[in-house]
Protein backbone atom coordinates (compact mmCIF):
# COMPACT_ATOMS: atom_id res chain seq x y z
CA MET A 1 349.85 -104.95 -149.97
CA TYR A 2 347.57 -103.47 -147.71
CA LEU A 3 349.31 -100.41 -147.64
CA GLY A 4 348.99 -99.05 -150.94
CA PHE A 5 345.40 -99.18 -150.34
CA ILE A 6 344.97 -97.32 -147.70
CA VAL A 7 347.42 -94.83 -148.87
CA ALA A 8 345.59 -94.66 -151.66
CA SER A 9 342.06 -94.68 -150.37
CA ALA A 10 342.89 -91.80 -147.91
CA PHE A 11 344.69 -89.77 -150.81
CA LEU A 12 341.70 -90.25 -152.59
CA ASP A 13 339.14 -89.00 -149.74
CA ILE A 14 341.76 -86.35 -148.78
CA LEU A 15 341.54 -85.13 -152.60
CA ALA A 16 337.17 -85.53 -151.97
CA ASN A 17 337.14 -83.28 -149.06
CA LEU A 18 339.54 -80.46 -150.48
CA PHE A 19 336.70 -80.53 -153.34
CA LEU A 20 333.80 -80.58 -151.03
CA LYS A 21 335.57 -77.28 -149.78
CA LYS A 22 335.87 -76.17 -153.31
CA SER A 23 332.06 -76.38 -153.38
CA ASN A 24 331.42 -74.27 -150.62
CA GLY A 25 328.37 -76.73 -149.30
CA PHE A 26 327.14 -77.58 -152.36
CA GLU A 27 326.77 -74.42 -153.92
CA SER A 28 329.17 -75.38 -157.07
CA LYS A 29 327.59 -78.95 -158.27
CA PHE A 30 330.37 -80.25 -160.31
CA TRP A 31 333.00 -79.94 -157.12
CA GLY A 32 330.68 -81.58 -154.92
CA PHE A 33 330.04 -84.36 -157.30
CA VAL A 34 333.57 -84.72 -157.81
CA ALA A 35 333.83 -84.67 -154.07
CA ILE A 36 331.11 -88.00 -153.73
CA VAL A 37 332.41 -89.48 -156.82
CA LEU A 38 336.02 -89.66 -154.81
CA ALA A 39 334.63 -90.71 -151.30
CA ILE A 40 333.06 -93.66 -152.91
CA LEU A 41 336.02 -93.94 -154.75
CA ALA A 42 337.90 -94.28 -151.32
CA PHE A 43 335.71 -96.68 -149.55
CA VAL A 44 336.24 -99.22 -152.66
CA LEU A 45 339.50 -99.23 -152.08
CA LEU A 46 339.14 -99.49 -148.18
CA TYR A 47 337.52 -102.09 -149.39
CA PHE A 48 340.53 -103.85 -150.13
CA SER A 49 342.27 -103.29 -147.64
CA LEU A 50 340.10 -105.78 -145.80
CA GLU A 51 341.51 -108.55 -147.39
CA TYR A 52 344.87 -108.25 -145.52
CA VAL A 53 344.23 -106.28 -142.01
CA PRO A 54 341.67 -106.05 -139.71
CA LEU A 55 338.88 -102.94 -139.64
CA SER A 56 340.39 -101.82 -137.11
CA ILE A 57 343.65 -101.39 -137.85
CA ALA A 58 342.20 -99.98 -141.45
CA TYR A 59 339.88 -97.53 -140.56
CA SER A 60 342.19 -95.99 -137.84
CA THR A 61 345.43 -96.15 -140.32
CA TRP A 62 343.43 -94.34 -143.67
CA GLY A 63 341.21 -91.66 -140.81
CA ALA A 64 344.67 -90.92 -139.79
CA VAL A 65 346.14 -90.48 -143.22
CA GLY A 66 343.22 -88.33 -144.40
CA ILE A 67 343.01 -86.02 -141.03
CA ILE A 68 346.41 -85.40 -141.57
CA GLY A 69 346.53 -85.35 -145.85
CA THR A 70 343.17 -82.75 -145.33
CA CYS A 71 344.54 -80.25 -142.70
CA LEU A 72 347.78 -79.98 -144.98
CA GLY A 73 345.49 -79.56 -147.93
CA GLY A 74 343.54 -76.83 -146.56
CA TRP A 75 346.66 -74.66 -145.17
CA ILE A 76 348.40 -74.97 -148.65
CA PHE A 77 345.52 -74.47 -150.62
CA TYR A 78 343.01 -72.66 -148.09
CA LYS A 79 345.39 -70.74 -145.77
CA GLU A 80 343.76 -72.45 -143.07
CA LYS A 81 345.86 -72.63 -139.96
CA LEU A 82 346.19 -75.12 -136.64
CA ASN A 83 346.92 -73.64 -133.74
CA PHE A 84 348.92 -75.52 -130.34
CA ILE A 85 345.85 -77.66 -129.47
CA GLY A 86 345.59 -78.72 -133.38
CA ILE A 87 349.21 -79.47 -134.23
CA LEU A 88 349.26 -81.53 -130.59
CA GLY A 89 346.23 -83.92 -131.85
CA ILE A 90 347.53 -84.78 -135.24
CA ILE A 91 351.14 -85.77 -133.31
CA VAL A 92 348.82 -87.62 -130.87
CA VAL A 93 346.84 -89.31 -134.28
CA ILE A 94 350.26 -89.95 -135.49
CA THR A 95 351.41 -91.70 -132.76
CA ALA A 96 347.87 -93.36 -132.15
CA VAL A 97 347.96 -95.01 -135.36
CA ILE A 98 352.31 -95.98 -135.04
CA LEU A 99 350.77 -98.36 -132.15
CA LEU A 100 348.05 -99.89 -133.28
CA ASN A 101 350.38 -100.62 -136.32
CA LEU A 102 352.61 -102.21 -134.66
């Protein structure tokens, strides 16, 4: 159950990050506002997961899913590229979250 809250929360965080990029530093107020609302909703869902797991597990898992999703979203929608060190960093993040959840 808690994993569903964390994944949904991370998905909203990913969308917030992508819309923040689309707002171009809040030049587009609409997309900036959407990003803020989605970020708030992401934290609300993250709060619900805290009834089931400790904050350290919930937040680290949420952050890792958000980082990986934002990297993929940037690559797909904005043609951003990761170098070798960036890919290695993602692998380290995934490994850390797996170890934390064991």
